[in-house]
Amino acid sequence: RRTILDELTERSGQTLFEICARLSAKHRLGISRQA
């Protein structure tokens, strides 16, 4: 959740798809969209 907030700090106004993509690409988090 802190990582998600970091991503929203960097760029607010993201969709779920965008957040998932950034978590996967930048942070190598293998987390489902549902999670």
PDB file of all heavy atoms in Angstrom:
ATOM      1  N   ARG A   1       0.831  -1.208   0.000  1.00  0.00           N
ATOM      2  CA  ARG A   1       0.000   0.000   0.000  1.00  0.00           C
ATOM      3  C   ARG A   1       0.862   1.254   0.000  1.00  0.00           C
ATOM      4  O   ARG A   1       0.530   2.242  -0.660  1.00  0.00           O
ATOM      5  CB  ARG A   1      -0.968  -0.015   1.180  1.00  0.00           C
ATOM      6  CG  ARG A   1      -2.074  -1.047   0.992  1.00  0.00           C
ATOM      7  CD  ARG A   1      -3.210  -0.863   1.962  1.00  0.00           C
ATOM      8  NE  ARG A   1      -2.933  -1.326   3.304  1.00  0.00           N
ATOM      9  CZ  ARG A   1      -3.198  -2.537   3.755  1.00  0.00           C
ATOM     10  NH1 ARG A   1      -3.752  -3.447   2.960  1.00  0.00           N
ATOM     11  NH2 ARG A   1      -2.939  -2.861   4.999  1.00  0.00           N
ATOM     12  N   ARG A   2       1.986   1.220   0.712  1.00  0.00           N
ATOM     13  CA  ARG A   2       2.892   2.371   0.688  1.00  0.00           C
ATOM     14  C   ARG A   2       3.479   2.560  -0.710  1.00  0.00           C
ATOM     15  O   ARG A   2       3.626   3.695  -1.180  1.00  0.00           O
ATOM     16  CB  ARG A   2       4.002   2.205   1.729  1.00  0.00           C
ATOM     17  CG  ARG A   2       3.499   2.307   3.162  1.00  0.00           C
ATOM     18  CD  ARG A   2       4.627   2.436   4.166  1.00  0.00           C
ATOM     19  NE  ARG A   2       5.606   1.373   4.097  1.00  0.00           N
ATOM     20  CZ  ARG A   2       5.574   0.250   4.809  1.00  0.00           C
ATOM     21  NH1 ARG A   2       4.575   0.040   5.657  1.00  0.00           N
ATOM     22  NH2 ARG A   2       6.528  -0.649   4.689  1.00  0.00           N
ATOM     23  N   THR A   3       3.760   1.464  -1.402  1.00  0.00           N
ATOM     24  CA  THR A   3       4.269   1.548  -2.775  1.00  0.00           C
ATOM     25  C   THR A   3       3.209   2.134  -3.700  1.00  0.00           C
ATOM     26  O   THR A   3       3.521   2.958  -4.573  1.00  0.00           O
ATOM     27  CB  THR A   3       4.721   0.158  -3.272  1.00  0.00           C
ATOM     28  OG1 THR A   3       5.712  -0.357  -2.369  1.00  0.00           O
ATOM     29  CG2 THR A   3       5.300   0.231  -4.663  1.00  0.00           C
ATOM     30  N   ILE A   4       1.963   1.734  -3.522  1.00  0.00           N
ATOM     31  CA  ILE A   4       0.859   2.300  -4.322  1.00  0.00           C
ATOM     32  C   ILE A   4       0.776   3.806  -4.079  1.00  0.00           C
ATOM     33  O   ILE A   4       0.630   4.593  -5.028  1.00  0.00           O
ATOM     34  CB  ILE A   4      -0.475   1.599  -3.999  1.00  0.00           C
ATOM     35  CG1 ILE A   4      -0.440   0.153  -4.508  1.00  0.00           C
ATOM     36  CG2 ILE A   4      -1.650   2.366  -4.600  1.00  0.00           C
ATOM     37  CD1 ILE A   4      -1.601  -0.706  -4.044  1.00  0.00           C
ATOM     38  N   LEU A   5       0.888   4.234  -2.825  1.00  0.00           N
ATOM     39  CA  LEU A   5       0.857   5.667  -2.519  1.00  0.00           C
ATOM     40  C   LEU A   5       2.039   6.392  -3.150  1.00  0.00           C
ATOM     41  O   LEU A   5       1.898   7.515  -3.641  1.00  0.00           O
ATOM     42  CB  LEU A   5       0.828   5.899  -1.010  1.00  0.00           C
ATOM     43  CG  LEU A   5      -0.460   5.506  -0.291  1.00  0.00           C
ATOM     44  CD1 LEU A   5      -0.305   5.692   1.209  1.00  0.00           C
ATOM     45  CD2 LEU A   5      -1.639   6.286  -0.813  1.00  0.00           C
ATOM     46  N   ASP A   6       3.208   5.749  -3.157  1.00  0.00           N
ATOM     47  CA  ASP A   6       4.378   6.333  -3.821  1.00  0.00           C
ATOM     48  C   ASP A   6       4.095   6.566  -5.299  1.00  0.00           C
ATOM     49  O   ASP A   6       4.435   7.621  -5.849  1.00  0.00           O
ATOM     50  CB  ASP A   6       5.605   5.433  -3.679  1.00  0.00           C
ATOM     51  CG  ASP A   6       6.156   5.381  -2.264  1.00  0.00           C
ATOM     52  OD1 ASP A   6       5.858   6.298  -1.470  1.00  0.00           O
ATOM     53  OD2 ASP A   6       6.884   4.415  -1.957  1.00  0.00           O
ATOM     54  N   GLU A   7       3.449   5.592  -5.931  1.00  0.00           N
ATOM     55  CA  GLU A   7       3.120   5.729  -7.354  1.00  0.00           C
ATOM     56  C   GLU A   7       2.095   6.833  -7.579  1.00  0.00           C
ATOM     57  O   GLU A   7       2.187   7.577  -8.556  1.00  0.00           O
ATOM     58  CB  GLU A   7       2.613   4.399  -7.918  1.00  0.00           C
ATOM     59  CG  GLU A   7       3.705   3.368  -8.097  1.00  0.00           C
ATOM     60  CD  GLU A   7       4.835   3.860  -8.989  1.00  0.00           C
ATOM     61  OE1 GLU A   7       4.573   4.488 -10.026  1.00  0.00           O
ATOM     62  OE2 GLU A   7       5.996   3.626  -8.625  1.00  0.00           O
ATOM     63  N   LEU A   8       1.126   6.957  -6.689  1.00  0.00           N
ATOM     64  CA  LEU A   8       0.136   8.024  -6.830  1.00  0.00           C
ATOM     65  C   LEU A   8       0.741   9.389  -6.509  1.00  0.00           C
ATOM     66  O   LEU A   8       0.265  10.404  -7.018  1.00  0.00           O
ATOM     67  CB  LEU A   8      -1.086   7.750  -5.947  1.00  0.00           C
ATOM     68  CG  LEU A   8      -1.948   6.574  -6.399  1.00  0.00           C
ATOM     69  CD1 LEU A   8      -3.055   6.305  -5.387  1.00  0.00           C
ATOM     70  CD2 LEU A   8      -2.538   6.823  -7.778  1.00  0.00           C
ATOM     71  N   THR A   9       1.773   9.418  -5.682  1.00  0.00           N
ATOM     72  CA  THR A   9       2.482  10.670  -5.421  1.00  0.00           C
ATOM     73  C   THR A   9       3.199  11.118  -6.685  1.00  0.00           C
ATOM     74  O   THR A   9       3.190  12.293  -7.041  1.00  0.00           O
ATOM     75  CB  THR A   9       3.503  10.489  -4.279  1.00  0.00           C
ATOM     76  OG1 THR A   9       2.820  10.116  -3.101  1.00  0.00           O
ATOM     77  CG2 THR A   9       4.290  11.764  -4.037  1.00  0.00           C
ATOM     78  N   GLU A  10       3.813  10.153  -7.363  1.00  0.00           N
ATOM     79  CA  GLU A  10       4.533  10.453  -8.594  1.00  0.00           C
ATOM     80  C   GLU A  10       3.590  10.890  -9.712  1.00  0.00           C
ATOM     81  O   GLU A  10       3.900  11.780 -10.489  1.00  0.00           O
ATOM     82  CB  GLU A  10       5.319   9.212  -9.032  1.00  0.00           C
ATOM     83  CG  GLU A  10       6.380   9.506 -10.047  1.00  0.00           C
ATOM     84  CD  GLU A  10       7.271   8.303 -10.266  1.00  0.00           C
ATOM     85  OE1 GLU A  10       7.864   7.820  -9.285  1.00  0.00           O
ATOM     86  OE2 GLU A  10       7.362   7.860 -11.425  1.00  0.00           O
ATOM     87  N   ARG A  11       2.433  10.237  -9.783  1.00  0.00           N
ATOM     88  CA  ARG A  11       1.453  10.574 -10.827  1.00  0.00           C
ATOM     89  C   ARG A  11       0.057  10.242 -10.322  1.00  0.00           C
ATOM     90  O   ARG A  11      -0.359   9.091 -10.337  1.00  0.00           O
ATOM     91  CB  ARG A  11       1.754   9.805 -12.106  1.00  0.00           C
ATOM     92  CG  ARG A  11       0.959  10.356 -13.265  1.00  0.00           C
ATOM     93  CD  ARG A  11       1.378   9.756 -14.595  1.00  0.00           C
ATOM     94  NE  ARG A  11       0.157   9.519 -15.324  1.00  0.00           N
ATOM     95  CZ  ARG A  11      -0.397   8.339 -15.533  1.00  0.00           C
ATOM     96  NH1 ARG A  11       0.189   7.254 -15.094  1.00  0.00           N
ATOM     97  NH2 ARG A  11      -1.525   8.226 -16.174  1.00  0.00           N
ATOM     98  N   SER A  12      -0.664  11.248  -9.894  1.00  0.00           N
ATOM     99  CA  SER A  12      -2.015  11.056  -9.390  1.00  0.00           C
ATOM    100  C   SER A  12      -2.981  10.880 -10.561  1.00  0.00           C
ATOM    101  O   SER A  12      -2.677  11.245 -11.692  1.00  0.00           O
ATOM    102  CB  SER A  12      -2.416  12.262  -8.539  1.00  0.00           C
ATOM    103  OG  SER A  12      -3.514  11.955  -7.727  1.00  0.00           O
ATOM    104  N   GLY A  13      -4.137  10.303 -10.285  1.00  0.00           N
ATOM    105  CA  GLY A  13      -5.161  10.150 -11.315  1.00  0.00           C
ATOM    106  C   GLY A  13      -4.959   8.940 -12.200  1.00  0.00           C
ATOM    107  O   GLY A  13      -5.257   8.982 -13.390  1.00  0.00           O
ATOM    108  N   GLN A  14      -4.478   7.843 -11.630  1.00  0.00           N
ATOM    109  CA  GLN A  14      -4.248   6.628 -12.406  1.00  0.00           C
ATOM    110  C   GLN A  14      -5.430   5.671 -12.288  1.00  0.00           C
ATOM    111  O   GLN A  14      -6.113   5.628 -11.274  1.00  0.00           O
ATOM    112  CB  GLN A  14      -2.992   5.909 -11.914  1.00  0.00           C
ATOM    113  CG  GLN A  14      -1.713   6.694 -12.113  1.00  0.00           C
ATOM    114  CD  GLN A  14      -0.519   5.887 -11.683  1.00  0.00           C
ATOM    115  OE1 GLN A  14      -0.259   4.812 -12.208  1.00  0.00           O
ATOM    116  NE2 GLN A  14       0.211   6.406 -10.706  1.00  0.00           N
ATOM    117  N   THR A  15      -5.607   4.880 -13.322  1.00  0.00           N
ATOM    118  CA  THR A  15      -6.607   3.819 -13.299  1.00  0.00           C
ATOM    119  C   THR A  15      -5.986   2.583 -12.641  1.00  0.00           C
ATOM    120  O   THR A  15      -4.773   2.507 -12.453  1.00  0.00           O
ATOM    121  CB  THR A  15      -7.061   3.446 -14.717  1.00  0.00           C
ATOM    122  OG1 THR A  15      -5.941   2.915 -15.429  1.00  0.00           O
ATOM    123  CG2 THR A  15      -7.651   4.641 -15.450  1.00  0.00           C
ATOM    124  N   LEU A  16      -6.825   1.617 -12.330  1.00  0.00           N
ATOM    125  CA  LEU A  16      -6.342   0.359 -11.763  1.00  0.00           C
ATOM    126  C   LEU A  16      -5.339  -0.295 -12.710  1.00  0.00           C
ATOM    127  O   LEU A  16      -4.292  -0.780 -12.274  1.00  0.00           O
ATOM    128  CB  LEU A  16      -7.523  -0.584 -11.491  1.00  0.00           C
ATOM    129  CG  LEU A  16      -7.186  -1.984 -10.999  1.00  0.00           C
ATOM    130  CD1 LEU A  16      -6.443  -1.944  -9.668  1.00  0.00           C
ATOM    131  CD2 LEU A  16      -8.456  -2.822 -10.881  1.00  0.00           C
ATOM    132  N   PHE A  17      -5.624  -0.293 -13.999  1.00  0.00           N
ATOM    133  CA  PHE A  17      -4.726  -0.883 -14.980  1.00  0.00           C
ATOM    134  C   PHE A  17      -3.354  -0.205 -14.939  1.00  0.00           C
ATOM    135  O   PHE A  17      -2.313  -0.875 -14.938  1.00  0.00           O
ATOM    136  CB  PHE A  17      -5.325  -0.777 -16.393  1.00  0.00           C
ATOM    137  CG  PHE A  17      -4.415  -1.283 -17.464  1.00  0.00           C
ATOM    138  CD1 PHE A  17      -4.308  -2.639 -17.714  1.00  0.00           C
ATOM    139  CD2 PHE A  17      -3.649  -0.401 -18.214  1.00  0.00           C
ATOM    140  CE1 PHE A  17      -3.456  -3.124 -18.691  1.00  0.00           C
ATOM    141  CE2 PHE A  17      -2.790  -0.869 -19.190  1.00  0.00           C
ATOM    142  CZ  PHE A  17      -2.690  -2.234 -19.436  1.00  0.00           C
ATOM    143  N   GLU A  18      -3.334   1.117 -14.877  1.00  0.00           N
ATOM    144  CA  GLU A  18      -2.067   1.846 -14.847  1.00  0.00           C
ATOM    145  C   GLU A  18      -1.276   1.547 -13.574  1.00  0.00           C
ATOM    146  O   GLU A  18      -0.059   1.359 -13.617  1.00  0.00           O
ATOM    147  CB  GLU A  18      -2.318   3.351 -14.961  1.00  0.00           C
ATOM    148  CG  GLU A  18      -2.835   3.782 -16.311  1.00  0.00           C
ATOM    149  CD  GLU A  18      -3.310   5.220 -16.327  1.00  0.00           C
ATOM    150  OE1 GLU A  18      -4.021   5.638 -15.375  1.00  0.00           O
ATOM    151  OE2 GLU A  18      -2.962   5.918 -17.292  1.00  0.00           O
ATOM    152  N   ILE A  19      -1.964   1.498 -12.452  1.00  0.00           N
ATOM    153  CA  ILE A  19      -1.288   1.199 -11.188  1.00  0.00           C
ATOM    154  C   ILE A  19      -0.681  -0.201 -11.231  1.00  0.00           C
ATOM    155  O   ILE A  19       0.481  -0.393 -10.851  1.00  0.00           O
ATOM    156  CB  ILE A  19      -2.262   1.354  -9.999  1.00  0.00           C
ATOM    157  CG1 ILE A  19      -2.678   2.812  -9.841  1.00  0.00           C
ATOM    158  CG2 ILE A  19      -1.628   0.845  -8.707  1.00  0.00           C
ATOM    159  CD1 ILE A  19      -3.830   3.039  -8.881  1.00  0.00           C
ATOM    160  N   CYS A  20      -1.438  -1.170 -11.715  1.00  0.00           N
ATOM    161  CA  CYS A  20      -0.940  -2.543 -11.814  1.00  0.00           C
ATOM    162  C   CYS A  20       0.291  -2.611 -12.720  1.00  0.00           C
ATOM    163  O   CYS A  20       1.279  -3.292 -12.401  1.00  0.00           O
ATOM    164  CB  CYS A  20      -2.019  -3.479 -12.343  1.00  0.00           C
ATOM    165  SG  CYS A  20      -3.351  -3.782 -11.176  1.00  0.00           S
ATOM    166  N   ALA A  21       0.238  -1.917 -13.843  1.00  0.00           N
ATOM    167  CA  ALA A  21       1.359  -1.926 -14.786  1.00  0.00           C
ATOM    168  C   ALA A  21       2.609  -1.325 -14.154  1.00  0.00           C
ATOM    169  O   ALA A  21       3.712  -1.857 -14.303  1.00  0.00           O
ATOM    170  CB  ALA A  21       0.980  -1.172 -16.056  1.00  0.00           C
ATOM    171  N   ARG A  22       2.447  -0.223 -13.439  1.00  0.00           N
ATOM    172  CA  ARG A  22       3.599   0.429 -12.804  1.00  0.00           C
ATOM    173  C   ARG A  22       4.170  -0.432 -11.670  1.00  0.00           C
ATOM    174  O   ARG A  22       5.394  -0.501 -11.496  1.00  0.00           O
ATOM    175  CB  ARG A  22       3.202   1.807 -12.293  1.00  0.00           C
ATOM    176  CG  ARG A  22       2.936   2.795 -13.431  1.00  0.00           C
ATOM    177  CD  ARG A  22       2.384   4.097 -12.919  1.00  0.00           C
ATOM    178  NE  ARG A  22       3.363   4.869 -12.180  1.00  0.00           N
ATOM    179  CZ  ARG A  22       4.017   5.918 -12.675  1.00  0.00           C
ATOM    180  NH1 ARG A  22       3.803   6.306 -13.903  1.00  0.00           N
ATOM    181  NH2 ARG A  22       4.882   6.575 -11.929  1.00  0.00           N
ATOM    182  N   LEU A  23       3.305  -1.089 -10.903  1.00  0.00           N
ATOM    183  CA  LEU A  23       3.794  -1.961  -9.828  1.00  0.00           C
ATOM    184  C   LEU A  23       4.581  -3.125 -10.402  1.00  0.00           C
ATOM    185  O   LEU A  23       5.600  -3.541  -9.842  1.00  0.00           O
ATOM    186  CB  LEU A  23       2.633  -2.470  -8.981  1.00  0.00           C
ATOM    187  CG  LEU A  23       1.902  -1.437  -8.124  1.00  0.00           C
ATOM    188  CD1 LEU A  23       0.713  -2.084  -7.424  1.00  0.00           C
ATOM    189  CD2 LEU A  23       2.839  -0.800  -7.118  1.00  0.00           C
ATOM    190  N   SER A  24       4.121  -3.649 -11.518  1.00  0.00           N
ATOM    191  CA  SER A  24       4.796  -4.767 -12.159  1.00  0.00           C
ATOM    192  C   SER A  24       6.116  -4.335 -12.796  1.00  0.00           C
ATOM    193  O   SER A  24       7.150  -4.978 -12.592  1.00  0.00           O
ATOM    194  CB  SER A  24       3.882  -5.384 -13.223  1.00  0.00           C
ATOM    195  OG  SER A  24       4.541  -6.408 -13.906  1.00  0.00           O
ATOM    196  N   ALA A  25       6.093  -3.245 -13.540  1.00  0.00           N
ATOM    197  CA  ALA A  25       7.274  -2.815 -14.279  1.00  0.00           C
ATOM    198  C   ALA A  25       8.354  -2.200 -13.380  1.00  0.00           C
ATOM    199  O   ALA A  25       9.530  -2.556 -13.477  1.00  0.00           O
ATOM    200  CB  ALA A  25       6.875  -1.815 -15.360  1.00  0.00           C
ATOM    201  N   LYS A  26       7.958  -1.302 -12.510  1.00  0.00           N
ATOM    202  CA  LYS A  26       8.936  -0.571 -11.701  1.00  0.00           C
ATOM    203  C   LYS A  26       9.364  -1.293 -10.436  1.00  0.00           C
ATOM    204  O   LYS A  26      10.499  -1.162  -9.993  1.00  0.00           O
ATOM    205  CB  LYS A  26       8.375   0.798 -11.305  1.00  0.00           C
ATOM    206  CG  LYS A  26       8.333   1.799 -12.437  1.00  0.00           C
ATOM    207  CD  LYS A  26       7.755   3.117 -11.992  1.00  0.00           C
ATOM    208  CE  LYS A  26       8.595   3.762 -10.923  1.00  0.00           C
ATOM    209  NZ  LYS A  26       8.055   5.075 -10.507  1.00  0.00           N
ATOM    210  N   HIS A  27       8.450  -2.046  -9.850  1.00  0.00           N
ATOM    211  CA  HIS A  27       8.723  -2.634  -8.541  1.00  0.00           C
ATOM    212  C   HIS A  27       8.784  -4.159  -8.568  1.00  0.00           C
ATOM    213  O   HIS A  27       8.967  -4.782  -7.533  1.00  0.00           O
ATOM    214  CB  HIS A  27       7.665  -2.165  -7.533  1.00  0.00           C
ATOM    215  CG  HIS A  27       7.600  -0.681  -7.413  1.00  0.00           C
ATOM    216  ND1 HIS A  27       8.502   0.055  -6.685  1.00  0.00           N
ATOM    217  CD2 HIS A  27       6.747   0.229  -7.956  1.00  0.00           C
ATOM    218  CE1 HIS A  27       8.203   1.341  -6.765  1.00  0.00           C
ATOM    219  NE2 HIS A  27       7.139   1.463  -7.540  1.00  0.00           N
ATOM    220  N   ARG A  28       8.561  -4.727  -9.745  1.00  0.00           N
ATOM    221  CA  ARG A  28       8.604  -6.190  -9.916  1.00  0.00           C
ATOM    222  C   ARG A  28       7.666  -6.912  -8.955  1.00  0.00           C
ATOM    223  O   ARG A  28       7.976  -7.975  -8.430  1.00  0.00           O
ATOM    224  CB  ARG A  28      10.026  -6.723  -9.748  1.00  0.00           C
ATOM    225  CG  ARG A  28      11.046  -6.106 -10.662  1.00  0.00           C
ATOM    226  CD  ARG A  28      10.918  -6.699 -12.039  1.00  0.00           C
ATOM    227  NE  ARG A  28      12.015  -6.247 -12.888  1.00  0.00           N
ATOM    228  CZ  ARG A  28      11.828  -5.639 -14.039  1.00  0.00           C
ATOM    229  NH1 ARG A  28      10.620  -5.412 -14.470  1.00  0.00           N
ATOM    230  NH2 ARG A  28      12.847  -5.264 -14.761  1.00  0.00           N
ATOM    231  N   LEU A  29       6.510  -6.297  -8.699  1.00  0.00           N
ATOM    232  CA  LEU A  29       5.512  -6.923  -7.828  1.00  0.00           C
ATOM    233  C   LEU A  29       4.578  -7.775  -8.683  1.00  0.00           C
ATOM    234  O   LEU A  29       3.878  -7.260  -9.542  1.00  0.00           O
ATOM    235  CB  LEU A  29       4.704  -5.866  -7.080  1.00  0.00           C
ATOM    236  CG  LEU A  29       5.421  -5.097  -5.985  1.00  0.00           C
ATOM    237  CD1 LEU A  29       4.515  -4.031  -5.394  1.00  0.00           C
ATOM    238  CD2 LEU A  29       5.890  -6.029  -4.896  1.00  0.00           C
ATOM    239  N   GLY A  30       4.593  -9.057  -8.458  1.00  0.00           N
ATOM    240  CA  GLY A  30       3.687  -9.964  -9.153  1.00  0.00           C
ATOM    241  C   GLY A  30       2.390 -10.067  -8.369  1.00  0.00           C
ATOM    242  O   GLY A  30       2.176 -11.044  -7.649  1.00  0.00           O
ATOM    243  N   ILE A  31       1.551  -9.074  -8.504  1.00  0.00           N
ATOM    244  CA  ILE A  31       0.329  -8.981  -7.710  1.00  0.00           C
ATOM    245  C   ILE A  31      -0.850  -8.875  -8.671  1.00  0.00           C
ATOM    246  O   ILE A  31      -0.769  -8.202  -9.693  1.00  0.00           O
ATOM    247  CB  ILE A  31       0.420  -7.774  -6.742  1.00  0.00           C
ATOM    248  CG1 ILE A  31      -0.748  -7.723  -5.793  1.00  0.00           C
ATOM    249  CG2 ILE A  31       0.634  -6.490  -7.463  1.00  0.00           C
ATOM    250  CD1 ILE A  31      -0.571  -6.708  -4.678  1.00  0.00           C
ATOM    251  N   SER A  32      -1.933  -9.553  -8.337  1.00  0.00           N
ATOM    252  CA  SER A  32      -3.102  -9.565  -9.227  1.00  0.00           C
ATOM    253  C   SER A  32      -3.844  -8.236  -9.176  1.00  0.00           C
ATOM    254  O   SER A  32      -3.716  -7.465  -8.227  1.00  0.00           O
ATOM    255  CB  SER A  32      -4.052 -10.699  -8.824  1.00  0.00           C
ATOM    256  OG  SER A  32      -4.663 -10.406  -7.584  1.00  0.00           O
ATOM    257  N   ARG A  33      -4.641  -8.010 -10.213  1.00  0.00           N
ATOM    258  CA  ARG A  33      -5.479  -6.806 -10.247  1.00  0.00           C
ATOM    259  C   ARG A  33      -6.440  -6.790  -9.058  1.00  0.00           C
ATOM    260  O   ARG A  33      -6.702  -5.744  -8.479  1.00  0.00           O
ATOM    261  CB  ARG A  33      -6.274  -6.744 -11.558  1.00  0.00           C
ATOM    262  CG  ARG A  33      -5.453  -6.366 -12.758  1.00  0.00           C
ATOM    263  CD  ARG A  33      -6.252  -6.498 -14.049  1.00  0.00           C
ATOM    264  NE  ARG A  33      -7.541  -5.846 -14.031  1.00  0.00           N
ATOM    265  CZ  ARG A  33      -7.783  -4.632 -14.511  1.00  0.00           C
ATOM    266  NH1 ARG A  33      -6.812  -3.939 -15.064  1.00  0.00           N
ATOM    267  NH2 ARG A  33      -8.996  -4.114 -14.468  1.00  0.00           N
ATOM    268  N   GLN A  34      -6.958  -7.959  -8.710  1.00  0.00           N
ATOM    269  CA  GLN A  34      -7.893  -8.044  -7.591  1.00  0.00           C
ATOM    270  C   GLN A  34      -7.202  -7.648  -6.283  1.00  0.00           C
ATOM    271  O   GLN A  34      -7.776  -6.937  -5.454  1.00  0.00           O
ATOM    272  CB  GLN A  34      -8.476  -9.443  -7.469  1.00  0.00           C
ATOM    273  CG  GLN A  34      -9.486  -9.562  -6.350  1.00  0.00           C
ATOM    274  CD  GLN A  34     -10.100 -10.948  -6.258  1.00  0.00           C
ATOM    275  OE1 GLN A  34      -9.747 -11.839  -7.014  1.00  0.00           O
ATOM    276  NE2 GLN A  34     -11.011 -11.114  -5.328  1.00  0.00           N
ATOM    277  N   ALA A  35      -5.959  -8.087  -6.091  1.00  0.00           N
ATOM    278  CA  ALA A  35      -5.223  -7.734  -4.876  1.00  0.00           C
ATOM    279  C   ALA A  35      -4.948  -6.235  -4.825  1.00  0.00           C
ATOM    280  O   ALA A  35      -5.094  -5.606  -3.772  1.00  0.00           O
ATOM    281  CB  ALA A  35      -3.919  -8.525  -4.806  1.00  0.00           C
TER     282      ALA A  35
END
